[in-house]
Amino acid sequence: MIKVTVTRDQSGLIHSFEMKGHADFAEHGKDLVCAGATAVSFGAVNAIISLTKITPIIKQKGDGGYLYVEVPSIESSEKAASMQLILESMIVSLQTIEQDYAKYIKITFKK
């Protein structure tokens, strides 16, 4: 199962997210849940970098079953708002996957 943990700060803004595990929906290379979650999360990170010119703190592990992304301190309120919108959009997309494949992906929120 893919476990996604989204951490919000006291004001409700996304501080970080962590994805770990494998969906095991299908064999490697044919796993639609894994492919969808990966595309959504990496797409969001790439959009943040491309659209805001800010690179978040990113940690990955070798087997592809781990991604941690942390929002850095940002001076520009416009760029911070853009980054939050991208991350909120990512969560909506992941929740859409979770609705149909709840046995394979679980999203939790913490403060």
Protein backbone atom coordinates (compact mmCIF):
# COMPACT_ATOMS: atom_id res chain seq x y z
CA MET A 1 0.00 0.00 0.00
CA ILE A 2 1.12 3.53 -0.75
CA LYS A 3 0.86 5.67 2.38
CA VAL A 4 0.77 9.43 1.88
CA THR A 5 1.17 11.69 4.89
CA VAL A 6 0.51 15.40 4.45
CA THR A 7 1.72 17.69 7.23
CA ARG A 8 0.16 21.10 7.66
CA ASP A 9 1.41 23.97 9.81
CA GLN A 10 -0.70 25.77 12.42
CA SER A 11 -2.27 28.03 9.79
CA GLY A 12 -3.30 25.04 7.65
CA LEU A 13 -0.65 25.46 4.96
CA ILE A 14 1.07 22.37 3.64
CA HIS A 15 4.52 22.04 5.19
CA SER A 16 5.50 18.67 3.69
CA PHE A 17 4.29 15.41 2.26
CA GLU A 18 5.70 11.91 2.38
CA MET A 19 4.83 8.98 0.13
CA LYS A 20 6.09 5.53 1.00
CA GLY A 21 5.43 1.98 0.00
CA HIS A 22 4.18 0.30 -3.14
CA ALA A 23 0.57 -0.10 -4.21
CA ASP A 24 0.93 -3.77 -5.25
CA PHE A 25 -2.15 -3.35 -7.44
CA ALA A 26 -0.42 -5.15 -10.31
CA GLU A 27 3.04 -6.34 -11.28
CA HIS A 28 5.86 -3.83 -11.60
CA GLY A 29 5.48 -1.79 -14.77
CA LYS A 30 1.73 -2.43 -14.97
CA ASP A 31 0.63 -0.97 -11.64
CA LEU A 32 -1.84 1.81 -12.49
CA VAL A 33 -2.20 3.00 -8.89
CA CYS A 34 1.54 3.38 -8.48
CA ALA A 35 1.89 5.05 -11.87
CA GLY A 36 -0.93 7.48 -11.11
CA ALA A 37 0.34 8.43 -7.66
CA THR A 38 3.87 8.82 -8.99
CA ALA A 39 2.76 10.96 -11.92
CA VAL A 40 0.65 13.21 -9.70
CA SER A 41 3.34 13.71 -7.03
CA PHE A 42 6.28 14.18 -9.39
CA GLY A 43 4.15 16.37 -11.64
CA ALA A 44 3.39 18.62 -8.67
CA VAL A 45 7.06 18.85 -7.67
CA ASN A 46 8.08 19.59 -11.27
CA ALA A 47 5.34 22.24 -11.53
CA ILE A 48 6.56 23.91 -8.33
CA ILE A 49 10.12 24.06 -9.65
CA SER A 50 9.09 25.20 -13.13
CA LEU A 51 6.43 27.74 -12.19
CA THR A 52 7.87 29.24 -8.99
CA LYS A 53 11.60 28.75 -9.68
CA ILE A 54 11.86 27.37 -6.12
CA THR A 55 13.16 23.88 -5.46
CA PRO A 56 11.60 22.25 -2.41
CA ILE A 57 13.58 19.98 -0.10
CA ILE A 58 13.33 16.53 -1.72
CA LYS A 59 14.40 13.15 -0.34
CA GLN A 60 14.08 9.87 -2.22
CA LYS A 61 15.20 6.30 -1.64
CA GLY A 62 16.61 3.89 -4.20
CA ASP A 63 13.74 1.47 -4.85
CA GLY A 64 11.28 4.17 -5.86
CA GLY A 65 9.06 3.52 -2.86
CA TYR A 66 9.83 6.72 -0.97
CA LEU A 67 9.41 10.44 -1.62
CA TYR A 68 9.57 13.25 0.92
CA VAL A 69 8.99 16.87 -0.09
CA GLU A 70 9.24 19.83 2.26
CA VAL A 71 8.25 23.40 1.49
CA PRO A 72 11.17 25.76 2.11
CA SER A 73 10.78 29.19 3.69
CA ILE A 74 9.69 31.59 0.97
CA GLU A 75 9.91 35.37 1.06
CA SER A 76 7.52 35.95 -1.85
CA SER A 77 3.89 35.56 -0.76
CA GLU A 78 2.89 35.16 -4.43
CA LYS A 79 5.27 32.23 -4.94
CA ALA A 80 4.22 30.70 -1.61
CA ALA A 81 0.56 30.90 -2.64
CA SER A 82 1.35 29.32 -6.02
CA MET A 83 3.23 26.50 -4.32
CA GLN A 84 0.32 25.87 -1.94
CA LEU A 85 -2.17 25.80 -4.82
CA ILE A 86 -0.07 23.23 -6.68
CA LEU A 87 0.22 21.07 -3.55
CA GLU A 88 -3.51 21.32 -2.80
CA SER A 89 -4.21 20.29 -6.41
CA MET A 90 -1.90 17.30 -5.94
CA ILE A 91 -3.88 16.27 -2.85
CA VAL A 92 -7.18 16.46 -4.75
CA SER A 93 -5.73 14.23 -7.48
CA LEU A 94 -4.38 11.72 -4.95
CA GLN A 95 -7.74 11.67 -3.15
CA THR A 96 -9.42 10.90 -6.47
CA ILE A 97 -7.14 7.88 -6.85
CA GLU A 98 -7.82 6.91 -3.23
CA GLN A 99 -11.60 6.97 -3.80
CA ASP A 100 -11.37 4.21 -6.41
CA TYR A 101 -8.38 2.29 -5.05
CA ALA A 102 -8.61 2.63 -1.25
CA LYS A 103 -7.04 -0.82 -0.75
CA TYR A 104 -3.86 0.42 -2.43
CA ILE A 105 -3.39 4.05 -1.34
CA LYS A 106 -4.13 5.81 1.95
CA ILE A 107 -3.81 9.55 2.60
CA THR A 108 -3.53 10.92 6.13
CA PHE A 109 -3.17 14.46 7.40
CA LYS A 110 -1.33 15.69 10.48
CA LYS A 111 -0.34 18.97 12.06
